[in-house]
Amino acid sequence: MRDAVIVDAVRTAVGKGKPGGALSGVHPVDLSAHVLGALAERNGLDPGAVDDVIWGCVSQVGEQAGSIGRYAVLAAGWPEHVPGLTVDRQCGSSQQAVHQAAAGVIAGQYDIAVAGGVESMSRVPMGSSRVRGELGEPFGPLVAERYDHFRFNQGIGAEMIAEEFGLSREELDQHALDSHARAARAVDEGRFKGQITPVTVTDADGGTRVFDTDEGIRRGGTLEALGGLTTPFKENGVVSAGNASQISDGSAALLITTSEIAARNGWTPLARFHTGTVTGVDPITMLKGPIPATQKVLERSGLALADIGAFEINEAFASVSLGWQRQLGADYALLNPNGGAMALGHPLGGSGARLMTTLVHHMKDNGIRYGLQSMCEGGGMANATVLELL
């Protein structure tokens, strides 16, 4: 039987997704090409041997339109016969890309595949691809009627989750502070060096520099400072910019093949793709998906929560990851041990691959046998993945 293994995983450092952000001057196609090139160089990979590049991207418009996965292949200088596919499962797009690459490898449709994703939120702002129609939203009259014309909004959903799980403003703000502290510690201890490929960027003054450290990490934050931020989604609410993910630019890629083909190429895989699932939840709260997705992937894998040594649950909002932890009873110390999207950033279509890159390297560095990743997705969905260290 064929398996699917992750040979390597690489990412850019994550830049702030605004004009002047470290990666804001890099076209998203070129940013994608950069991680593809780094992946090939790090592993002595012949790009011509790649059967497909599966690329996640959410705002597929403007500079990210026209199947950015295909243009990334061409920009990387890879042979023209190597195809590229772009997928959109909202914030989980590049995690879904990994699932599709692994499934293709296991089925025998691919021998070698690359999965990953990108988002340049400084150049293609969030929501740019939303085509407004009769109701002012892309989901149409029938969906609006089914959900009583509720205006789908992730921020409101995050507030609803906080209320459902009884999460206070102080608890959410403390979760955000923990995320930044863990990310800062990871940087200081060099934990990200083996997974980040530096990018040479041009600053506003025309000078160049090497960008290799996640730009959104804030040090020395306090509960008092975070508590002073407004709650834009609900008057006297609990969700603020300080306890939500950051708008970001970034890209990541993973090399996926079988154990046999890896050995033939002299590659030592990092981990095996153990189990992958996806599920749907209601599109109103929409962000609770990681809870049933985790339950589903554990059931299918035959593992228990206690078997998992590290969890990467995307911090779209503090109420999402903290609500997940409270509901399932996972060890808080094992949740996003190197910080999450509140500190590192959330480049939408690239986030799933970024989380998996961070997870698999953390497993390798610490001898952790099983790791689990899940993330909420717009429209009320969630992917979940279990990896096994090799």
Protein backbone atom coordinates (compact mmCIF):
# COMPACT_ATOMS: atom_id res chain seq x y z
CA MET A 1 0.00 0.00 0.00
CA ARG A 2 1.17 3.50 -0.81
CA ASP A 3 1.52 6.12 1.89
CA ALA A 4 2.07 9.88 1.81
CA VAL A 5 5.01 11.46 3.61
CA ILE A 6 6.15 15.04 4.06
CA VAL A 7 9.77 15.26 2.96
CA ASP A 8 10.19 18.93 3.82
CA ALA A 9 8.21 22.05 4.65
CA VAL A 10 9.34 25.62 4.19
CA ARG A 11 7.80 29.04 4.62
CA THR A 12 8.57 32.70 4.39
CA ALA A 13 8.55 34.79 7.51
CA VAL A 14 5.12 36.42 7.75
CA GLY A 15 4.91 40.12 6.96
CA LYS A 16 2.34 42.68 8.01
CA GLY A 17 -0.38 42.85 5.37
CA LYS A 18 -0.36 46.59 4.80
CA PRO A 19 1.52 49.10 2.65
CA GLY A 20 5.05 49.21 3.96
CA GLY A 21 4.87 45.67 5.34
CA ALA A 22 8.06 43.71 4.75
CA LEU A 23 6.58 41.62 1.91
CA SER A 24 4.21 44.24 0.49
CA GLY A 25 6.58 44.94 -2.39
CA VAL A 26 6.64 41.32 -3.55
CA HIS A 27 4.06 40.11 -6.06
CA PRO A 28 2.20 37.08 -4.64
CA VAL A 29 3.18 34.98 -7.65
CA ASP A 30 6.84 35.77 -7.03
CA LEU A 31 6.43 35.10 -3.31
CA SER A 32 4.98 31.69 -4.16
CA ALA A 33 7.81 31.04 -6.60
CA HIS A 34 10.31 31.86 -3.87
CA VAL A 35 9.14 29.06 -1.56
CA LEU A 36 8.90 26.63 -4.48
CA GLY A 37 12.50 27.39 -5.37
CA ALA A 38 13.65 27.06 -1.78
CA LEU A 39 11.87 23.70 -1.43
CA ALA A 40 13.59 22.36 -4.54
CA GLU A 41 17.01 23.69 -3.55
CA ARG A 42 16.85 22.39 0.02
CA ASN A 43 16.08 18.87 -1.15
CA GLY A 44 17.89 18.53 -4.45
CA LEU A 45 14.49 18.18 -6.07
CA ASP A 46 14.29 18.03 -9.86
CA PRO A 47 11.25 20.28 -10.48
CA GLY A 48 10.51 18.34 -13.64
CA ALA A 49 9.67 15.30 -11.49
CA VAL A 50 6.79 17.11 -9.76
CA ASP A 51 3.43 15.81 -10.94
CA ASP A 52 1.38 18.72 -9.64
CA VAL A 53 1.57 21.87 -7.54
CA ILE A 54 -1.60 22.39 -5.50
CA TRP A 55 -1.80 25.94 -4.18
CA GLY A 56 -4.19 27.56 -1.74
CA CYS A 57 -5.34 31.16 -2.15
CA VAL A 58 -8.47 32.88 -0.86
CA SER A 59 -8.80 36.22 -2.67
CA GLN A 60 -8.42 34.96 -6.24
CA VAL A 61 -8.69 38.33 -7.94
CA GLY A 62 -6.25 40.88 -9.34
CA GLU A 63 -2.68 39.78 -8.75
CA GLN A 64 -3.94 36.49 -7.30
CA ALA A 65 -6.32 35.63 -10.14
CA GLY A 66 -5.98 33.25 -13.07
CA SER A 67 -4.82 30.21 -11.05
CA ILE A 68 -1.90 31.57 -9.10
CA GLY A 69 -0.65 28.02 -8.57
CA ARG A 70 0.12 27.73 -12.28
CA TYR A 71 1.83 31.11 -12.50
CA ALA A 72 3.90 30.28 -9.41
CA VAL A 73 5.32 27.26 -11.23
CA LEU A 74 6.25 29.38 -14.23
CA ALA A 75 7.69 32.17 -12.09
CA ALA A 76 9.87 29.63 -10.28
CA GLY A 77 11.40 28.68 -13.63
CA TRP A 78 10.10 25.14 -13.39
CA PRO A 79 9.47 23.19 -16.60
CA GLU A 80 6.29 24.09 -18.45
CA HIS A 81 4.99 20.52 -18.23
CA VAL A 82 4.60 20.90 -14.43
CA PRO A 83 0.96 21.92 -13.82
CA GLY A 84 -0.48 24.04 -11.04
CA LEU A 85 -3.89 24.02 -9.35
CA THR A 86 -5.41 26.71 -7.14
CA VAL A 87 -7.90 25.74 -4.43
CA ASP A 88 -10.16 27.81 -2.18
CA ARG A 89 -11.44 26.41 1.07
CA GLN A 90 -11.23 29.84 2.61
CA CYS A 91 -8.70 30.06 5.46
CA GLY A 92 -8.01 26.33 5.19
CA SER A 93 -7.11 26.49 1.50
CA SER A 94 -3.49 25.38 1.80
CA GLN A 95 -4.33 22.74 4.41
CA GLN A 96 -6.84 21.41 1.90
CA ALA A 97 -4.06 21.54 -0.71
CA VAL A 98 -2.00 19.21 1.48
CA HIS A 99 -4.98 16.86 1.81
CA GLN A 100 -5.42 16.74 -1.96
CA ALA A 101 -1.72 16.19 -2.58
CA ALA A 102 -1.58 13.38 -0.02
CA ALA A 103 -4.70 11.75 -1.45
CA GLY A 104 -3.27 11.94 -4.95
CA VAL A 105 0.00 10.36 -3.82
CA ILE A 106 -1.75 7.57 -1.94
CA ALA A 107 -4.06 6.89 -4.89
CA GLY A 108 -1.15 6.71 -7.32
CA GLN A 109 -2.19 9.72 -9.37
CA TYR A 110 0.96 11.49 -8.22
CA ASP A 111 4.42 10.24 -7.33
CA ILE A 112 5.69 13.64 -6.20
CA ALA A 113 3.48 16.61 -5.38
CA VAL A 114 3.97 20.02 -3.83
CA ALA A 115 1.24 21.61 -1.72
CA GLY A 116 1.15 25.06 -0.22
CA GLY A 117 -0.36 28.48 -0.59
CA VAL A 118 -0.02 32.22 -0.47
CA GLU A 119 -1.85 35.39 0.39
CA SER A 120 -0.67 38.95 -0.09
CA MET A 121 -3.21 40.89 1.91
CA SER A 122 -1.27 44.11 1.47
CA ARG A 123 -1.69 43.93 -2.31
CA VAL A 124 -5.02 42.09 -2.56
CA PRO A 125 -7.08 43.24 0.45
CA MET A 126 -9.33 40.77 2.25
CA GLY A 127 -12.75 40.66 0.60
CA SER A 128 -11.51 41.84 -2.80
CA SER A 129 -12.99 38.78 -4.51
CA ARG A 130 -16.48 39.15 -3.05
CA VAL A 131 -18.83 39.94 -5.93
CA ARG A 132 -21.83 41.82 -4.61
CA GLY A 133 -25.18 40.88 -6.03
CA GLU A 134 -28.87 41.48 -5.30
CA LEU A 135 -28.48 41.11 -1.53
CA GLY A 136 -25.11 42.79 -1.40
CA GLU A 137 -23.41 39.46 -0.65
CA PRO A 138 -22.21 36.53 -2.78
CA PHE A 139 -24.30 33.79 -1.19
CA GLY A 140 -27.63 34.57 -2.93
CA PRO A 141 -31.29 34.73 -1.91
CA LEU A 142 -31.78 31.06 -1.02
CA VAL A 143 -28.94 30.97 1.51
CA ALA A 144 -30.10 34.30 2.91
CA GLU A 145 -33.62 32.92 3.30
CA ARG A 146 -32.39 29.72 4.95
CA TYR A 147 -30.54 31.72 7.60
CA ASP A 148 -33.18 34.42 8.10
CA HIS A 149 -31.15 37.06 6.27
CA PHE A 150 -28.40 37.01 8.87
CA ARG A 151 -25.38 39.02 7.74
CA PHE A 152 -22.56 36.48 7.92
CA ASN A 153 -19.66 38.06 9.78
CA GLN A 154 -16.74 36.22 11.35
CA GLY A 155 -16.26 38.87 14.02
CA ILE A 156 -19.86 38.48 15.15
CA GLY A 157 -19.38 34.72 15.06
CA ALA A 158 -16.33 35.08 17.29
CA GLU A 159 -18.39 37.09 19.77
CA MET A 160 -21.10 34.41 19.72
CA ILE A 161 -18.52 31.70 20.45
CA ALA A 162 -17.11 33.67 23.35
CA GLU A 163 -20.59 34.01 24.80
CA GLU A 164 -21.40 30.34 24.27
CA PHE A 165 -18.25 29.17 26.07
CA GLY A 166 -18.36 31.87 28.73
CA LEU A 167 -15.01 33.37 27.69
CA SER A 168 -14.25 36.74 29.24
CA ARG A 169 -12.40 39.66 27.67
CA GLU A 170 -9.53 39.10 30.10
CA GLU A 171 -9.26 35.41 29.16
CA LEU A 172 -9.15 36.23 25.45
CA ASP A 173 -6.61 38.99 25.95
CA GLN A 174 -4.44 36.69 28.06
CA HIS A 175 -4.58 34.07 25.29
CA ALA A 176 -3.33 36.74 22.87
CA LEU A 177 -0.51 37.73 25.21
CA ASP A 178 0.48 34.07 25.52
CA SER A 179 0.56 33.74 21.74
CA HIS A 180 2.93 36.69 21.38
CA ALA A 181 5.12 35.50 24.27
CA ARG A 182 5.42 32.00 22.83
CA ALA A 183 6.23 33.32 19.36
CA ALA A 184 8.85 35.70 20.76
CA ARG A 185 10.44 32.85 22.70
CA ALA A 186 10.48 30.70 19.56
CA VAL A 187 12.28 33.46 17.66
CA ASP A 188 14.77 34.05 20.47
CA GLU A 189 15.56 30.33 20.68
CA GLY A 190 15.94 29.96 16.91
CA ARG A 191 13.09 27.49 16.53
CA PHE A 192 11.94 28.92 13.21
CA LYS A 193 15.33 29.07 11.49
CA GLY A 194 15.05 25.62 9.93
CA GLN A 195 11.66 26.33 8.39
CA ILE A 196 12.00 29.91 7.11
CA THR A 197 13.50 30.78 3.74
CA PRO A 198 14.77 34.37 3.81
CA VAL A 199 13.41 36.84 1.26
CA THR A 200 15.39 39.81 -0.01
CA VAL A 201 13.03 42.79 0.06
CA THR A 202 13.26 46.42 -1.02
CA ASP A 203 12.35 49.07 1.54
CA ALA A 204 10.66 52.40 0.85
CA ASP A 205 14.02 54.15 0.64
CA GLY A 206 15.15 51.80 -2.13
CA GLY A 207 17.55 49.85 0.04
CA THR A 208 17.43 46.07 0.25
CA ARG A 209 17.48 43.80 3.27
CA VAL A 210 16.91 40.18 4.16
CA PHE A 211 13.52 39.49 5.72
CA ASP A 212 13.59 36.32 7.85
CA THR A 213 11.71 37.07 11.08
CA ASP A 214 7.92 37.18 11.52
CA GLU A 215 6.95 40.83 11.60
CA GLY A 216 3.79 40.81 13.71
CA ILE A 217 5.19 39.62 17.04
CA ARG A 218 4.71 42.20 19.80
CA ARG A 219 6.72 42.06 23.00
CA GLY A 220 5.87 43.49 26.39
CA GLY A 221 2.11 43.63 25.98
CA THR A 222 -0.17 43.96 29.00
CA LEU A 223 -3.75 43.11 29.84
CA GLU A 224 -4.32 46.78 30.59
CA ALA A 225 -3.19 47.85 27.12
CA LEU A 226 -5.23 45.18 25.33
CA GLY A 227 -8.24 45.93 27.49
CA GLY A 228 -8.27 49.50 26.21
CA LEU A 229 -8.92 48.45 22.60
CA THR A 230 -12.40 48.83 21.15
CA THR A 231 -14.68 45.88 20.32
CA PRO A 232 -15.82 46.65 16.76
CA PHE A 233 -18.23 43.75 16.28
CA LYS A 234 -20.34 44.24 19.41
CA GLU A 235 -20.80 47.14 21.79
CA ASN A 236 -19.16 46.20 25.09
CA GLY A 237 -18.12 42.93 23.49
CA VAL A 238 -14.95 40.88 24.05
CA VAL A 239 -13.40 40.56 20.58
CA SER A 240 -10.88 43.25 19.62
CA ALA A 241 -8.02 43.68 17.18
CA GLY A 242 -5.69 42.66 19.98
CA ASN A 243 -7.18 39.19 20.41
CA ALA A 244 -7.74 38.45 16.73
CA SER A 245 -5.45 37.26 13.95
CA GLN A 246 -3.37 39.76 12.03
CA ILE A 247 -3.76 40.74 8.38
CA SER A 248 -0.62 39.37 6.76
CA ASP A 249 1.48 38.42 3.74
CA GLY A 250 3.19 35.05 3.47
CA SER A 251 3.67 31.76 1.67
CA ALA A 252 4.59 28.16 2.53
CA ALA A 253 5.12 24.87 0.68
CA LEU A 254 5.45 21.17 1.49
CA LEU A 255 7.04 18.36 -0.56
CA ILE A 256 4.89 15.21 -0.51
CA THR A 257 5.62 11.75 -1.91
CA THR A 258 5.64 8.09 -0.82
CA SER A 259 8.12 6.50 1.57
CA GLU A 260 9.46 4.35 -1.27
CA ILE A 261 10.00 7.24 -3.65
CA ALA A 262 11.55 9.31 -0.88
CA ALA A 263 14.08 6.55 -0.19
CA ARG A 264 14.83 6.25 -3.88
CA ASN A 265 15.68 9.96 -3.96
CA GLY A 266 17.76 9.85 -0.79
CA TRP A 267 15.21 11.91 1.17
CA THR A 268 14.51 11.36 4.87
CA PRO A 269 10.87 12.33 5.44
CA LEU A 270 9.83 14.43 8.40
CA ALA A 271 6.39 12.91 8.95
CA ARG A 272 3.69 10.72 7.54
CA PHE A 273 0.29 12.07 6.58
CA HIS A 274 -1.69 9.91 9.02
CA THR A 275 -5.32 11.07 8.70
CA GLY A 276 -7.16 14.00 7.17
CA THR A 277 -10.79 15.07 7.44
CA VAL A 278 -13.02 18.01 6.65
CA THR A 279 -16.42 18.90 8.02
CA GLY A 280 -19.06 21.61 7.95
CA VAL A 281 -20.82 23.58 10.68
CA ASP A 282 -23.43 26.33 10.65
CA PRO A 283 -22.27 29.39 8.69
CA ILE A 284 -23.41 31.86 11.32
CA THR A 285 -21.03 31.10 14.16
CA MET A 286 -18.99 29.41 11.38
CA LEU A 287 -15.77 29.35 13.45
CA LYS A 288 -16.56 26.36 15.68
CA GLY A 289 -15.60 23.90 12.94
CA PRO A 290 -12.27 22.81 14.51
CA ILE A 291 -14.18 21.17 17.38
CA PRO A 292 -16.12 18.57 15.34
CA ALA A 293 -13.26 18.34 12.82
CA THR A 294 -10.89 17.35 15.62
CA GLN A 295 -13.36 14.81 16.98
CA LYS A 296 -13.81 13.36 13.50
CA VAL A 297 -10.10 13.08 12.70
CA LEU A 298 -9.35 11.45 16.06
CA GLU A 299 -12.12 8.91 15.52
CA ARG A 300 -10.88 8.06 12.03
CA SER A 301 -7.26 7.89 13.13
CA GLY A 302 -7.96 5.58 16.07
CA LEU A 303 -6.12 7.99 18.34
CA ALA A 304 -7.16 9.73 21.53
CA LEU A 305 -6.64 13.37 22.40
CA ALA A 306 -4.00 12.27 24.92
CA ASP A 307 -1.95 10.69 22.11
CA ILE A 308 -1.37 14.09 20.50
CA GLY A 309 1.79 15.90 21.56
CA ALA A 310 1.21 19.22 19.79
CA PHE A 311 -1.81 21.06 18.44
CA GLU A 312 -1.90 23.81 15.83
CA ILE A 313 -5.37 25.37 15.98
CA ASN A 314 -5.54 28.53 13.93
CA GLU A 315 -6.02 31.61 16.07
CA ALA A 316 -8.44 33.37 13.75
CA PHE A 317 -9.80 34.86 16.96
CA ALA A 318 -8.83 34.04 20.53
CA SER A 319 -12.34 32.71 21.16
CA VAL A 320 -11.86 30.10 18.40
CA SER A 321 -8.71 28.43 19.72
CA LEU A 322 -9.52 28.97 23.39
CA GLY A 323 -13.10 27.72 22.90
CA TRP A 324 -11.70 24.64 21.13
CA GLN A 325 -9.33 24.00 24.04
CA ARG A 326 -12.05 24.42 26.66
CA GLN A 327 -14.52 22.18 24.83
CA LEU A 328 -12.10 19.32 24.17
CA GLY A 329 -9.98 19.62 27.32
CA ALA A 330 -6.63 19.71 25.52
CA ASP A 331 -3.52 20.69 27.45
CA TYR A 332 -3.17 24.46 27.00
CA ALA A 333 0.62 24.16 27.01
CA LEU A 334 0.43 21.99 23.87
CA LEU A 335 -1.78 24.47 21.98
CA ASN A 336 0.18 26.54 19.46
CA PRO A 337 3.40 26.15 21.47
CA ASN A 338 5.30 28.52 19.16
CA GLY A 339 2.58 31.12 18.99
CA GLY A 340 -0.31 31.37 16.59
CA ALA A 341 -1.97 33.72 14.14
CA MET A 342 -2.55 36.43 16.74
CA ALA A 343 1.23 36.83 16.93
CA LEU A 344 2.63 35.34 13.73
CA GLY A 345 -0.13 36.52 11.42
CA HIS A 346 -2.75 34.95 9.18
CA PRO A 347 -2.01 35.17 5.44
CA LEU A 348 -5.32 33.44 4.61
CA GLY A 349 -4.54 31.07 1.72
CA GLY A 350 -1.02 30.44 3.01
CA SER A 351 -1.95 29.83 6.64
CA GLY A 352 -2.76 26.13 6.47
CA ALA A 353 0.65 25.37 5.00
CA ARG A 354 2.30 27.77 7.45
CA LEU A 355 0.71 26.02 10.42
CA MET A 356 1.70 22.60 9.08
CA THR A 357 5.26 23.74 8.41
CA THR A 358 5.56 25.01 11.97
CA LEU A 359 3.92 21.86 13.35
CA VAL A 360 6.05 19.32 11.51
CA HIS A 361 9.31 21.06 12.41
CA HIS A 362 8.21 21.34 16.04
CA MET A 363 7.44 17.60 16.06
CA LYS A 364 10.86 16.81 14.61
CA ASP A 365 12.74 19.10 16.98
CA ASN A 366 11.01 17.71 20.05
CA GLY A 367 10.51 14.04 19.16
CA ILE A 368 6.70 14.33 19.18
CA ARG A 369 5.07 11.31 17.57
CA TYR A 370 1.65 12.76 16.72
CA GLY A 371 0.61 16.31 15.88
CA LEU A 372 -2.84 17.62 15.04
CA GLN A 373 -3.82 20.70 13.04
CA SER A 374 -7.22 22.27 12.46
CA MET A 375 -8.53 25.61 11.36
CA CYS A 376 -11.89 27.29 10.95
CA GLU A 377 -13.00 28.33 7.47
CA GLY A 378 -15.45 30.84 6.05
CA GLY A 379 -18.91 29.51 5.32
CA GLY A 380 -18.72 27.15 8.29
CA MET A 381 -16.11 24.46 7.55
CA ALA A 382 -12.91 23.07 9.05
CA ASN A 383 -10.09 20.76 8.00
CA ALA A 384 -8.24 18.60 10.50
CA THR A 385 -5.02 16.68 9.97
CA VAL A 386 -3.01 14.22 12.04
CA LEU A 387 0.69 13.84 11.25
CA GLU A 388 2.96 11.07 12.52
CA LEU A 389 6.65 11.68 13.06
CA LEU A 390 9.07 9.52 11.09
